[in-house]
Amino acid sequence: MKKDSKKQRIKSILAALNKAEDKLHSAQELIEDSLSLIETAFLMHDNNLTKQIKELKKRKQEVRHG
C-alpha cells in the first residue's frame, strides 16, 4: 500500500511539473512575441520620426530660399 501511494504521489508531482513546464514555455513564447511587437513598434516610430525630420528640414530649406 505504501509503495503504491508513494508511486502515485511521485506521478502526481511529475505531472504537475510537466504542466508547469508547458505553462512556462507558453509564457516564454508570449514574452518573445510581445518583445517582437514592441521592437516593430519602435522601428515604425523611429521611421516616422525620421520622415518627419526630413520634412522639417525640407520646409526649413524652402523657407530660407523661398
Foldseek 3Di string as FASTA:
>chain_A
DVVVVVVVVVVVVVVVVVVVVVVVVVVVVVVVVVVVVVVVVVVVVVVVVVVVVVVVVVVVVVVVVD
